[in-house]
PDB file of N, CA and C in Angstrom:
ATOM      1  N   UNK A   1       0.583  -0.778  -0.188  1.00  0.00           N
ATOM      2  CA  UNK A   1       0.160   0.012  -0.099  1.00  0.00           C
ATOM      3  C   UNK A   1       0.846   1.452   0.301  1.00  0.00           C
ATOM      4  N   UNK A   2       0.620   2.039  -1.323  1.00  0.00           N
ATOM      5  CA  UNK A   2       1.592   3.146  -0.920  1.00  0.00           C
ATOM      6  C   UNK A   2       0.906   4.318  -0.739  1.00  0.00           C
ATOM      7  N   UNK A   3       1.374   4.933   0.527  1.00  0.00           N
ATOM      8  CA  UNK A   3       0.545   6.209   1.203  1.00  0.00           C
ATOM      9  C   UNK A   3       1.660   7.481   0.873  1.00  0.00           C
ATOM     10  N   UNK A   4       0.951   8.768   0.694  1.00  0.00           N
ATOM     11  CA  UNK A   4       1.700   9.623   1.114  1.00  0.00           C
ATOM     12  C   UNK A   4       0.457  10.713   2.182  1.00  0.00           C
ATOM     13  N   UNK A   5       1.579  10.845   2.719  1.00  0.00           N
ATOM     14  CA  UNK A   5       1.571  11.901   4.356  1.00  0.00           C
ATOM     15  C   UNK A   5       1.864  13.261   4.081  1.00  0.00           C
ATOM     16  N   UNK A   6       0.449  13.532   4.582  1.00  0.00           N
ATOM     17  CA  UNK A   6       0.381  14.954   4.899  1.00  0.00           C
ATOM     18  C   UNK A   6      -0.009  16.253   5.984  1.00  0.00           C
ATOM     19  N   UNK A   7       0.897  16.615   6.255  1.00  0.00           N
ATOM     20  CA  UNK A   7       1.049  17.095   8.106  1.00  0.00           C
ATOM     21  C   UNK A   7       1.757  18.249   7.777  1.00  0.00           C
ATOM     22  N   UNK A   8       1.519  19.699   8.542  1.00  0.00           N
ATOM     23  CA  UNK A   8       2.164  20.725   8.510  1.00  0.00           C
ATOM     24  C   UNK A   8       3.158  20.655  10.035  1.00  0.00           C
ATOM     25  N   UNK A   9       2.920  19.627  10.524  1.00  0.00           N
ATOM     26  CA  UNK A   9       3.774  19.708  11.618  1.00  0.00           C
ATOM     27  C   UNK A   9       4.807  18.881  11.675  1.00  0.00           C
ATOM     28  N   UNK A  10       5.941  18.745  12.259  1.00  0.00           N
ATOM     29  CA  UNK A  10       7.416  17.728  11.580  1.00  0.00           C
ATOM     30  C   UNK A  10       6.741  16.367  12.776  1.00  0.00           C
ATOM     31  N   UNK A  11       6.608  17.302  13.671  1.00  0.00           N
ATOM     32  CA  UNK A  11       6.552  15.738  14.680  1.00  0.00           C
ATOM     33  C   UNK A  11       5.166  14.939  14.070  1.00  0.00           C
ATOM     34  N   UNK A  12       3.995  15.383  13.913  1.00  0.00           N
ATOM     35  CA  UNK A  12       2.392  14.617  13.078  1.00  0.00           C
ATOM     36  C   UNK A  12       3.448  13.700  12.521  1.00  0.00           C
ATOM     37  N   UNK A  13       3.929  14.625  11.326  1.00  0.00           N
ATOM     38  CA  UNK A  13       4.931  13.780   9.674  1.00  0.00           C
ATOM     39  C   UNK A  13       5.035  12.331  10.525  1.00  0.00           C
ATOM     40  N   UNK A  14       6.466  13.246  11.385  1.00  0.00           N
ATOM     41  CA  UNK A  14       7.082  11.757  11.885  1.00  0.00           C
ATOM     42  C   UNK A  14       6.266  10.419  12.223  1.00  0.00           C
ATOM     43  N   UNK A  15       5.078  10.838  13.204  1.00  0.00           N
ATOM     44  CA  UNK A  15       4.444  10.138  13.996  1.00  0.00           C
ATOM     45  C   UNK A  15       3.659   9.369  12.750  1.00  0.00           C
ATOM     46  N   UNK A  16       3.249   9.956  11.842  1.00  0.00           N
ATOM     47  CA  UNK A  16       2.287   9.204  10.758  1.00  0.00           C
ATOM     48  C   UNK A  16       3.381   8.468  10.046  1.00  0.00           C
ATOM     49  N   UNK A  17       4.300   8.942   9.301  1.00  0.00           N
ATOM     50  CA  UNK A  17       5.890   7.680   9.003  1.00  0.00           C
ATOM     51  C   UNK A  17       5.358   7.009   9.730  1.00  0.00           C
ATOM     52  N   UNK A  18       5.725   7.331  10.444  1.00  0.00           N
ATOM     53  CA  UNK A  18       6.342   5.508  11.715  1.00  0.00           C
ATOM     54  C   UNK A  18       5.227   4.575  11.868  1.00  0.00           C
ATOM     55  N   UNK A  19       3.896   5.089  12.303  1.00  0.00           N
ATOM     56  CA  UNK A  19       2.549   4.036  11.775  1.00  0.00           C
ATOM     57  C   UNK A  19       2.488   3.584  10.630  1.00  0.00           C
ATOM     58  N   UNK A  20       2.776   4.253   8.898  1.00  0.00           N
ATOM     59  CA  UNK A  20       2.552   3.793   8.303  1.00  0.00           C
ATOM     60  C   UNK A  20       3.781   2.717   7.852  1.00  0.00           C
ATOM     61  N   UNK A  21       4.938   2.619   7.879  1.00  0.00           N
ATOM     62  CA  UNK A  21       6.170   1.568   8.447  1.00  0.00           C
ATOM     63  C   UNK A  21       5.692   0.690   9.075  1.00  0.00           C
ATOM     64  N   UNK A  22       5.120   1.165  10.401  1.00  0.00           N
ATOM     65  CA  UNK A  22       4.993  -0.602  10.927  1.00  0.00           C
ATOM     66  C   UNK A  22       3.800  -1.171  10.673  1.00  0.00           C
ATOM     67  N   UNK A  23       3.176  -0.778   9.414  1.00  0.00           N
ATOM     68  CA  UNK A  23       1.853  -1.846   9.095  1.00  0.00           C
ATOM     69  C   UNK A  23       2.271  -2.334   8.078  1.00  0.00           C
ATOM     70  N   UNK A  24       1.859  -3.565   8.161  1.00  0.00           N
ATOM     71  CA  UNK A  24       2.423  -4.696   7.438  1.00  0.00           C
ATOM     72  C   UNK A  24       1.580  -4.516   6.231  1.00  0.00           C
ATOM     73  N   UNK A  25       2.413  -4.222   5.036  1.00  0.00           N
ATOM     74  CA  UNK A  25       2.016  -4.203   3.486  1.00  0.00           C
ATOM     75  C   UNK A  25       2.206  -3.013   3.280  1.00  0.00           C
ATOM     76  N   UNK A  26       2.534  -1.708   3.730  1.00  0.00           N
ATOM     77  CA  UNK A  26       2.185  -0.098   3.929  1.00  0.00           C
ATOM     78  C   UNK A  26       3.910   0.218   3.833  1.00  0.00           C
ATOM     79  N   UNK A  27       4.121   1.165   2.992  1.00  0.00           N
ATOM     80  CA  UNK A  27       5.387   1.894   2.747  1.00  0.00           C
ATOM     81  C   UNK A  27       4.702   3.327   2.407  1.00  0.00           C
ATOM     82  N   UNK A  28       5.689   4.311   2.997  1.00  0.00           N
ATOM     83  CA  UNK A  28       5.576   5.937   2.534  1.00  0.00           C
ATOM     84  C   UNK A  28       6.355   6.522   1.270  1.00  0.00           C
ATOM     85  N   UNK A  29       5.469   6.779   0.958  1.00  0.00           N
ATOM     86  CA  UNK A  29       5.755   7.133  -1.027  1.00  0.00           C
ATOM     87  C   UNK A  29       6.536   8.547  -0.884  1.00  0.00           C
ATOM     88  N   UNK A  30       5.762   9.148  -0.262  1.00  0.00           N
ATOM     89  CA  UNK A  30       5.496  10.775   0.256  1.00  0.00           C
ATOM     90  C   UNK A  30       5.714  11.555   0.976  1.00  0.00           C
ATOM     91  N   UNK A  31       6.479  12.318   0.839  1.00  0.00           N
ATOM     92  CA  UNK A  31       5.481  13.323   2.698  1.00  0.00           C
ATOM     93  C   UNK A  31       6.027  14.827   2.313  1.00  0.00           C
ATOM     94  N   UNK A  32       4.181  15.442   2.784  1.00  0.00           N
ATOM     95  CA  UNK A  32       4.320  16.719   2.579  1.00  0.00           C
ATOM     96  C   UNK A  32       3.979  17.775   4.254  1.00  0.00           C
ATOM     97  N   UNK A  33       4.749  18.868   3.238  1.00  0.00           N
ATOM     98  CA  UNK A  33       4.260  19.724   4.488  1.00  0.00           C
ATOM     99  C   UNK A  33       3.382  20.660   4.376  1.00  0.00           C
ATOM    100  N   UNK A  34       2.548  20.694   3.113  1.00  0.00           N
ATOM    101  CA  UNK A  34       1.394  21.696   2.756  1.00  0.00           C
ATOM    102  C   UNK A  34       0.451  20.766   2.099  1.00  0.00           C
ATOM    103  N   UNK A  35      -0.714  21.137   2.078  1.00  0.00           N
ATOM    104  CA  UNK A  35      -1.511  20.842   0.245  1.00  0.00           C
ATOM    105  C   UNK A  35      -0.669  21.156  -0.618  1.00  0.00           C
ATOM    106  N   UNK A  36      -0.321  21.865  -1.011  1.00  0.00           N
ATOM    107  CA  UNK A  36       0.063  22.860  -2.363  1.00  0.00           C
ATOM    108  C   UNK A  36       1.284  21.617  -2.650  1.00  0.00           C
ATOM    109  N   UNK A  37       2.002  21.180  -1.498  1.00  0.00           N
ATOM    110  CA  UNK A  37       2.875  20.357  -2.232  1.00  0.00           C
ATOM    111  C   UNK A  37       2.591  18.717  -1.842  1.00  0.00           C
ATOM    112  N   UNK A  38       1.706  18.436  -1.530  1.00  0.00           N
ATOM    113  CA  UNK A  38       0.988  17.309  -1.112  1.00  0.00           C
ATOM    114  C   UNK A  38       0.586  17.397  -2.560  1.00  0.00           C
ATOM    115  N   UNK A  39      -0.332  18.013  -3.207  1.00  0.00           N
ATOM    116  CA  UNK A  39      -0.773  17.914  -4.882  1.00  0.00           C
ATOM    117  C   UNK A  39      -0.009  17.942  -5.892  1.00  0.00           C
ATOM    118  N   UNK A  40       1.122  18.324  -5.932  1.00  0.00           N
ATOM    119  CA  UNK A  40       1.910  17.838  -6.937  1.00  0.00           C
ATOM    120  C   UNK A  40       2.470  16.786  -6.094  1.00  0.00           C
ATOM    121  N   UNK A  41       2.617  16.290  -5.283  1.00  0.00           N
ATOM    122  CA  UNK A  41       3.500  14.887  -5.442  1.00  0.00           C
ATOM    123  C   UNK A  41       2.874  13.817  -5.747  1.00  0.00           C
ATOM    124  N   UNK A  42       1.348  13.934  -5.456  1.00  0.00           N
ATOM    125  CA  UNK A  42       0.866  12.576  -6.063  1.00  0.00           C
ATOM    126  C   UNK A  42       1.058  12.378  -7.041  1.00  0.00           C
ATOM    127  N   UNK A  43       1.232  12.984  -8.435  1.00  0.00           N
ATOM    128  CA  UNK A  43       1.434  12.138  -9.363  1.00  0.00           C
ATOM    129  C   UNK A  43       2.582  11.374  -9.694  1.00  0.00           C
ATOM    130  N   UNK A  44       3.821  11.856  -8.562  1.00  0.00           N
ATOM    131  CA  UNK A  44       5.075  11.579  -8.872  1.00  0.00           C
ATOM    132  C   UNK A  44       4.992  10.287  -8.064  1.00  0.00           C
ATOM    133  N   UNK A  45       4.284  10.636  -7.282  1.00  0.00           N
ATOM    134  CA  UNK A  45       5.034   9.172  -5.548  1.00  0.00           C
ATOM    135  C   UNK A  45       3.595   7.847  -6.177  1.00  0.00           C
ATOM    136  N   UNK A  46       2.439   8.348  -6.920  1.00  0.00           N
ATOM    137  CA  UNK A  46       1.464   7.520  -7.541  1.00  0.00           C
ATOM    138  C   UNK A  46       0.672   6.445  -5.893  1.00  0.00           C
ATOM    139  N   UNK A  47       0.194   7.634  -5.042  1.00  0.00           N
ATOM    140  CA  UNK A  47      -0.485   6.682  -3.499  1.00  0.00           C
ATOM    141  C   UNK A  47      -1.219   6.139  -4.114  1.00  0.00           C
ATOM    142  N   UNK A  48      -1.726   5.228  -2.941  1.00  0.00           N
ATOM    143  CA  UNK A  48      -3.242   4.457  -3.016  1.00  0.00           C
ATOM    144  C   UNK A  48      -3.695   5.211  -2.291  1.00  0.00           C
ATOM    145  N   UNK A  49      -3.189   5.786  -0.800  1.00  0.00           N
ATOM    146  CA  UNK A  49      -3.701   6.480   0.256  1.00  0.00           C
ATOM    147  C   UNK A  49      -3.202   7.643   0.464  1.00  0.00           C
ATOM    148  N   UNK A  50      -4.366   8.813   0.781  1.00  0.00           N
ATOM    149  CA  UNK A  50      -3.013   9.848   1.535  1.00  0.00           C
ATOM    150  C   UNK A  50      -3.984  10.008   2.488  1.00  0.00           C
ATOM    151  N   UNK A  51      -3.182  10.379   3.533  1.00  0.00           N
ATOM    152  CA  UNK A  51      -3.193  11.002   5.536  1.00  0.00           C
ATOM    153  C   UNK A  51      -3.015  12.172   5.430  1.00  0.00           C
ATOM    154  N   UNK A  52      -4.061  13.119   5.627  1.00  0.00           N
ATOM    155  CA  UNK A  52      -3.746  14.308   5.523  1.00  0.00           C
ATOM    156  C   UNK A  52      -4.370  15.220   6.654  1.00  0.00           C
ATOM    157  N   UNK A  53      -3.649  15.766   6.984  1.00  0.00           N
ATOM    158  CA  UNK A  53      -4.139  16.863   8.386  1.00  0.00           C
ATOM    159  C   UNK A  53      -5.424  17.938   7.823  1.00  0.00           C
ATOM    160  N   UNK A  54      -6.553  17.982   8.537  1.00  0.00           N
ATOM    161  CA  UNK A  54      -7.186  18.890   8.090  1.00  0.00           C
ATOM    162  C   UNK A  54      -7.124  19.851   8.786  1.00  0.00           C
ATOM    163  N   UNK A  55      -6.339  20.315   9.384  1.00  0.00           N
ATOM    164  CA  UNK A  55      -5.813  21.790   9.667  1.00  0.00           C
ATOM    165  C   UNK A  55      -4.699  22.701   9.563  1.00  0.00           C
ATOM    166  N   UNK A  56      -4.246  22.195   8.489  1.00  0.00           N
ATOM    167  CA  UNK A  56      -3.559  23.451   7.851  1.00  0.00           C
ATOM    168  C   UNK A  56      -3.541  24.472   7.583  1.00  0.00           C
ATOM    169  N   UNK A  57      -2.453  25.520   7.380  1.00  0.00           N
ATOM    170  CA  UNK A  57      -2.530  26.706   7.110  1.00  0.00           C
ATOM    171  C   UNK A  57      -2.551  26.763   5.346  1.00  0.00           C
ATOM    172  N   UNK A  58      -2.648  27.998   5.017  1.00  0.00           N
ATOM    173  CA  UNK A  58      -2.179  27.876   3.634  1.00  0.00           C
ATOM    174  C   UNK A  58      -3.328  27.266   2.537  1.00  0.00           C
ATOM    175  N   UNK A  59      -3.688  26.125   2.575  1.00  0.00           N
ATOM    176  CA  UNK A  59      -4.318  25.709   1.952  1.00  0.00           C
ATOM    177  C   UNK A  59      -4.812  24.448   2.909  1.00  0.00           C
ATOM    178  N   UNK A  60      -6.176  24.377   3.388  1.00  0.00           N
ATOM    179  CA  UNK A  60      -6.552  23.306   4.275  1.00  0.00           C
ATOM    180  C   UNK A  60      -6.810  21.589   3.551  1.00  0.00           C
ATOM    181  N   UNK A  61      -6.719  20.915   4.606  1.00  0.00           N
ATOM    182  CA  UNK A  61      -7.127  18.899   4.669  1.00  0.00           C
ATOM    183  C   UNK A  61      -7.895  19.034   3.405  1.00  0.00           C
ATOM    184  N   UNK A  62      -9.289  19.500   3.802  1.00  0.00           N
ATOM    185  CA  UNK A  62      -9.835  19.776   3.183  1.00  0.00           C
ATOM    186  C   UNK A  62     -10.226  20.118   1.246  1.00  0.00           C
ATOM    187  N   UNK A  63     -10.186  21.034   1.360  1.00  0.00           N
ATOM    188  CA  UNK A  63      -9.369  21.825  -0.012  1.00  0.00           C
ATOM    189  C   UNK A  63      -8.252  21.012  -0.836  1.00  0.00           C
ATOM    190  N   UNK A  64      -7.650  20.557   0.156  1.00  0.00           N
ATOM    191  CA  UNK A  64      -6.152  19.373  -0.377  1.00  0.00           C
ATOM    192  C   UNK A  64      -7.212  18.287  -0.758  1.00  0.00           C
ATOM    193  N   UNK A  65      -7.928  17.796  -0.146  1.00  0.00           N
ATOM    194  CA  UNK A  65      -8.724  16.402  -0.200  1.00  0.00           C
ATOM    195  C   UNK A  65      -9.338  16.502  -1.600  1.00  0.00           C
ATOM    196  N   UNK A  66     -10.132  17.804  -1.796  1.00  0.00           N
ATOM    197  CA  UNK A  66     -10.864  18.276  -2.658  1.00  0.00           C
ATOM    198  C   UNK A  66     -10.023  17.872  -3.867  1.00  0.00           C
ATOM    199  N   UNK A  67      -9.125  18.544  -4.253  1.00  0.00           N
ATOM    200  CA  UNK A  67      -8.073  18.693  -5.548  1.00  0.00           C
ATOM    201  C   UNK A  67      -7.855  17.539  -5.465  1.00  0.00           C
ATOM    202  N   UNK A  68      -7.297  16.891  -4.948  1.00  0.00           N
ATOM    203  CA  UNK A  68      -6.351  15.486  -4.804  1.00  0.00           C
ATOM    204  C   UNK A  68      -7.266  14.260  -5.610  1.00  0.00           C
ATOM    205  N   UNK A  69      -8.603  14.487  -5.058  1.00  0.00           N
ATOM    206  CA  UNK A  69      -9.658  13.509  -5.511  1.00  0.00           C
ATOM    207  C   UNK A  69     -10.283  13.867  -6.929  1.00  0.00           C
ATOM    208  N   UNK A  70     -10.437  15.353  -7.276  1.00  0.00           N
ATOM    209  CA  UNK A  70     -10.443  15.293  -8.437  1.00  0.00           C
ATOM    210  C   UNK A  70      -9.820  15.563  -9.684  1.00  0.00           C
ATOM    211  N   UNK A  71      -8.645  15.877  -8.990  1.00  0.00           N
ATOM    212  CA  UNK A  71      -7.360  15.042  -9.952  1.00  0.00           C
ATOM    213  C   UNK A  71      -6.827  13.099 -10.322  1.00  0.00           C
ATOM    214  N   UNK A  72      -7.450  13.038  -9.391  1.00  0.00           N
ATOM    215  CA  UNK A  72      -7.076  11.248  -8.811  1.00  0.00           C
ATOM    216  C   UNK A  72      -8.164  10.923  -8.009  1.00  0.00           C
ATOM    217  N   UNK A  73      -9.354  10.338  -8.645  1.00  0.00           N
ATOM    218  CA  UNK A  73      -9.907   9.877  -8.219  1.00  0.00           C
ATOM    219  C   UNK A  73      -9.797   8.160  -7.059  1.00  0.00           C
ATOM    220  N   UNK A  74      -9.499   8.056  -7.777  1.00  0.00           N
ATOM    221  CA  UNK A  74      -8.876   6.299  -6.743  1.00  0.00           C
ATOM    222  C   UNK A  74      -7.679   6.632  -5.852  1.00  0.00           C
ATOM    223  N   UNK A  75      -7.743   7.130  -5.452  1.00  0.00           N
ATOM    224  CA  UNK A  75      -7.256   7.831  -4.406  1.00  0.00           C
ATOM    225  C   UNK A  75      -7.869   7.759  -3.724  1.00  0.00           C
ATOM    226  N   UNK A  76      -7.757   6.627  -1.644  1.00  0.00           N
ATOM    227  CA  UNK A  76      -8.563   6.767  -0.711  1.00  0.00           C
ATOM    228  C   UNK A  76      -7.587   7.888   0.307  1.00  0.00           C
ATOM    229  N   UNK A  77      -8.763   8.837   0.642  1.00  0.00           N
ATOM    230  CA  UNK A  77      -7.774   9.846   1.269  1.00  0.00           C
ATOM    231  C   UNK A  77      -8.770   9.494   2.613  1.00  0.00           C
ATOM    232  N   UNK A  78      -7.702   9.667   3.894  1.00  0.00           N
ATOM    233  CA  UNK A  78      -8.169   9.628   4.969  1.00  0.00           C
ATOM    234  C   UNK A  78      -8.061  10.988   5.745  1.00  0.00           C
ATOM    235  N   UNK A  79      -8.304  12.051   6.225  1.00  0.00           N
ATOM    236  CA  UNK A  79      -8.331  13.238   6.672  1.00  0.00           C
ATOM    237  C   UNK A  79      -7.907  13.069   8.494  1.00  0.00           C
ATOM    238  N   UNK A  80      -7.307  13.615   8.821  1.00  0.00           N
ATOM    239  CA  UNK A  80      -6.599  13.242  10.737  1.00  0.00           C
ATOM    240  C   UNK A  80      -6.619  14.733  10.601  1.00  0.00           C
ATOM    241  N   UNK A  81      -7.069  15.081  12.219  1.00  0.00           N
ATOM    242  CA  UNK A  81      -7.693  15.910  13.040  1.00  0.00           C
ATOM    243  C   UNK A  81      -6.593  15.713  14.270  1.00  0.00           C
ATOM    244  N   UNK A  82      -6.066  16.445  14.793  1.00  0.00           N
ATOM    245  CA  UNK A  82      -5.840  16.359  16.602  1.00  0.00           C
ATOM    246  C   UNK A  82      -6.829  17.234  17.291  1.00  0.00           C
ATOM    247  N   UNK A  83      -7.828  17.064  16.973  1.00  0.00           N
ATOM    248  CA  UNK A  83      -9.218  17.219  18.257  1.00  0.00           C
ATOM    249  C   UNK A  83     -10.420  16.047  17.746  1.00  0.00           C
ATOM    250  N   UNK A  84     -11.292  16.369  18.568  1.00  0.00           N
ATOM    251  CA  UNK A  84     -12.451  15.263  18.462  1.00  0.00           C
ATOM    252  C   UNK A  84     -13.463  16.593  17.288  1.00  0.00           C
ATOM    253  N   UNK A  85     -13.400  16.790  17.889  1.00  0.00           N
ATOM    254  CA  UNK A  85     -13.897  18.158  17.122  1.00  0.00           C
ATOM    255  C   UNK A  85     -14.474  18.449  15.747  1.00  0.00           C
ATOM    256  N   UNK A  86     -13.410  17.924  15.049  1.00  0.00           N
ATOM    257  CA  UNK A  86     -13.314  18.305  13.541  1.00  0.00           C
ATOM    258  C   UNK A  86     -14.312  17.910  12.984  1.00  0.00           C
ATOM    259  N   UNK A  87     -15.511  18.704  11.673  1.00  0.00           N
ATOM    260  CA  UNK A  87     -16.019  18.162  10.714  1.00  0.00           C
ATOM    261  C   UNK A  87     -15.759  18.702   9.190  1.00  0.00           C
ATOM    262  N   UNK A  88     -16.129  17.833   8.919  1.00  0.00           N
ATOM    263  CA  UNK A  88     -15.853  17.724   7.471  1.00  0.00           C
ATOM    264  C   UNK A  88     -17.189  18.349   6.594  1.00  0.00           C
ATOM    265  N   UNK A  89     -17.415  19.098   5.585  1.00  0.00           N
ATOM    266  CA  UNK A  89     -18.582  19.620   4.865  1.00  0.00           C
ATOM    267  C   UNK A  89     -18.903  18.146   3.607  1.00  0.00           C
ATOM    268  N   UNK A  90     -18.084  17.851   3.402  1.00  0.00           N
ATOM    269  CA  UNK A  90     -18.356  16.808   2.548  1.00  0.00           C
ATOM    270  C   UNK A  90     -18.403  15.597   3.149  1.00  0.00           C
ATOM    271  N   UNK A  91     -19.197  14.952   2.181  1.00  0.00           N
ATOM    272  CA  UNK A  91     -20.262  13.474   3.089  1.00  0.00           C
ATOM    273  C   UNK A  91     -19.342  12.583   2.715  1.00  0.00           C
ATOM    274  N   UNK A  92     -18.613  12.452   1.379  1.00  0.00           N
ATOM    275  CA  UNK A  92     -17.574  11.582   1.654  1.00  0.00           C
ATOM    276  C   UNK A  92     -16.570  11.623   1.587  1.00  0.00           C
ATOM    277  N   UNK A  93     -16.087  12.324   2.501  1.00  0.00           N
ATOM    278  CA  UNK A  93     -14.808  12.340   3.504  1.00  0.00           C
ATOM    279  C   UNK A  93     -15.174  12.083   5.095  1.00  0.00           C
ATOM    280  N   UNK A  94     -14.168  11.147   5.636  1.00  0.00           N
ATOM    281  CA  UNK A  94     -14.350  11.247   6.937  1.00  0.00           C
ATOM    282  C   UNK A  94     -13.192  11.958   7.100  1.00  0.00           C
ATOM    283  N   UNK A  95     -13.782  12.160   9.299  1.00  0.00           N
ATOM    284  CA  UNK A  95     -12.598  12.802   9.741  1.00  0.00           C
ATOM    285  C   UNK A  95     -12.154  11.596  10.858  1.00  0.00           C
ATOM    286  N   UNK A  96     -10.738  11.546  11.212  1.00  0.00           N
ATOM    287  CA  UNK A  96     -10.564  10.288  12.002  1.00  0.00           C
ATOM    288  C   UNK A  96      -9.466  11.190  13.420  1.00  0.00           C
ATOM    289  N   UNK A  97      -9.721  11.369  14.168  1.00  0.00           N
ATOM    290  CA  UNK A  97      -8.222  11.513  15.310  1.00  0.00           C
ATOM    291  C   UNK A  97      -7.023  10.928  15.217  1.00  0.00           C
ATOM    292  N   UNK A  98      -6.195  11.990  14.802  1.00  0.00           N
ATOM    293  CA  UNK A  98      -4.986  11.182  14.537  1.00  0.00           C
ATOM    294  C   UNK A  98      -4.470  10.499  15.593  1.00  0.00           C
ATOM    295  N   UNK A  99      -4.583  11.316  16.467  1.00  0.00           N
ATOM    296  CA  UNK A  99      -3.819  11.087  18.017  1.00  0.00           C
ATOM    297  C   UNK A  99      -4.372   9.368  18.010  1.00  0.00           C
ATOM    298  N   UNK A 100      -5.417   8.747  17.347  1.00  0.00           N
ATOM    299  CA  UNK A 100      -5.735   7.079  17.521  1.00  0.00           C
ATOM    300  C   UNK A 100      -5.418   6.025  16.843  1.00  0.00           C
ATOM    301  N   UNK A 101      -4.666   7.384  15.631  1.00  0.00           N
ATOM    302  CA  UNK A 101      -4.053   6.191  14.462  1.00  0.00           C
ATOM    303  C   UNK A 101      -2.686   5.206  15.035  1.00  0.00           C
ATOM    304  N   UNK A 102      -3.340   4.000  14.645  1.00  0.00           N
ATOM    305  CA  UNK A 102      -1.802   2.512  14.993  1.00  0.00           C
ATOM    306  C   UNK A 102      -1.779   2.273  13.800  1.00  0.00           C
ATOM    307  N   UNK A 103      -0.965   1.180  13.814  1.00  0.00           N
ATOM    308  CA  UNK A 103      -0.554   0.277  12.485  1.00  0.00           C
ATOM    309  C   UNK A 103      -1.799  -0.647  12.264  1.00  0.00           C
ATOM    310  N   UNK A 104      -2.291  -1.097  13.271  1.00  0.00           N
ATOM    311  CA  UNK A 104      -3.915  -1.812  13.345  1.00  0.00           C
ATOM    312  C   UNK A 104      -4.683  -1.370  12.681  1.00  0.00           C
ATOM    313  N   UNK A 105      -5.361  -0.160  13.240  1.00  0.00           N
ATOM    314  CA  UNK A 105      -6.682   0.668  12.629  1.00  0.00           C
ATOM    315  C   UNK A 105      -6.198   0.846  11.413  1.00  0.00           C
ATOM    316  N   UNK A 106      -5.071   1.399  10.704  1.00  0.00           N
ATOM    317  CA  UNK A 106      -4.604   1.613   9.943  1.00  0.00           C
ATOM    318  C   UNK A 106      -5.056   0.547   8.284  1.00  0.00           C
ATOM    319  N   UNK A 107      -4.691  -0.268   9.126  1.00  0.00           N
ATOM    320  CA  UNK A 107      -4.855  -2.049   8.253  1.00  0.00           C
ATOM    321  C   UNK A 107      -6.065  -2.165   8.229  1.00  0.00           C
ATOM    322  N   UNK A 108      -6.976  -2.119   9.450  1.00  0.00           N
ATOM    323  CA  UNK A 108      -8.782  -1.994   9.596  1.00  0.00           C
ATOM    324  C   UNK A 108      -9.201  -1.027   8.714  1.00  0.00           C
ATOM    325  N   UNK A 109      -8.905  -0.131   8.549  1.00  0.00           N
ATOM    326  CA  UNK A 109      -9.225   1.272   7.871  1.00  0.00           C
ATOM    327  C   UNK A 109      -9.121   0.713   6.312  1.00  0.00           C
ATOM    328  N   UNK A 110      -8.262   0.681   5.631  1.00  0.00           N
ATOM    329  CA  UNK A 110      -8.008  -0.103   4.425  1.00  0.00           C
ATOM    330  C   UNK A 110      -8.907  -1.289   3.929  1.00  0.00           C
ATOM    331  N   UNK A 111      -8.673  -2.324   4.598  1.00  0.00           N
ATOM    332  CA  UNK A 111      -9.869  -3.631   4.457  1.00  0.00           C
ATOM    333  C   UNK A 111     -11.536  -2.823   4.501  1.00  0.00           C
ATOM    334  N   UNK A 112     -11.174  -1.929   5.633  1.00  0.00           N
ATOM    335  CA  UNK A 112     -13.148  -1.576   5.084  1.00  0.00           C
ATOM    336  C   UNK A 112     -13.185  -0.767   4.050  1.00  0.00           C
ATOM    337  N   UNK A 113     -12.689   0.522   4.264  1.00  0.00           N
ATOM    338  CA  UNK A 113     -12.598   1.649   3.199  1.00  0.00           C
ATOM    339  C   UNK A 113     -12.492   1.968   2.039  1.00  0.00           C
ATOM    340  N   UNK A 114     -10.603   0.822   2.106  1.00  0.00           N
ATOM    341  CA  UNK A 114      -9.924   1.258   0.810  1.00  0.00           C
ATOM    342  C   UNK A 114     -10.077   0.570  -0.622  1.00  0.00           C
ATOM    343  N   UNK A 115     -10.797  -1.023   0.065  1.00  0.00           N
ATOM    344  CA  UNK A 115     -10.853  -2.010  -0.566  1.00  0.00           C
ATOM    345  C   UNK A 115     -12.121  -1.744  -1.271  1.00  0.00           C
ATOM    346  N   UNK A 116     -13.104  -1.478  -0.202  1.00  0.00           N
ATOM    347  CA  UNK A 116     -14.782  -0.703  -0.946  1.00  0.00           C
ATOM    348  C   UNK A 116     -14.688  -0.047  -2.102  1.00  0.00           C
ATOM    349  N   UNK A 117     -13.779   1.478  -1.980  1.00  0.00           N
ATOM    350  CA  UNK A 117     -13.662   2.365  -2.634  1.00  0.00           C
ATOM    351  C   UNK A 117     -12.842   1.537  -4.571  1.00  0.00           C
ATOM    352  N   UNK A 118     -11.643   0.671  -4.046  1.00  0.00           N
ATOM    353  CA  UNK A 118     -11.264   0.113  -5.249  1.00  0.00           C
ATOM    354  C   UNK A 118     -11.889  -0.463  -6.047  1.00  0.00           C
ATOM    355  N   UNK A 119     -13.001  -1.665  -5.425  1.00  0.00           N
ATOM    356  CA  UNK A 119     -13.631  -2.478  -5.574  1.00  0.00           C
ATOM    357  C   UNK A 119     -14.998  -2.049  -6.350  1.00  0.00           C
TER     358      UNK A 119
END
């Protein structure tokens, strides 16, 4: 599973990369510190899954996800937030608390969401 990690916090980028690398069958193929950087990395890295922080400056995670989905509809996107209060306007996007992310959770998410979208 090819994963793009997008977060404006260096600490959370490191944590997310560690979780992805600890998940069997998953690999980090790109890391971005902004939405614009992520949008530019997608065609170069060809991820199957993008983990995107909701609360980024300049271009937030929701807009980043919208732009990626328009250009690359096959990518599964998981929006992450450090607060449980985050919500999303788009019905097709879910927001999860990034503090809950673990290798087991990520693998379970992929089984539920990724396979449904790709199938």
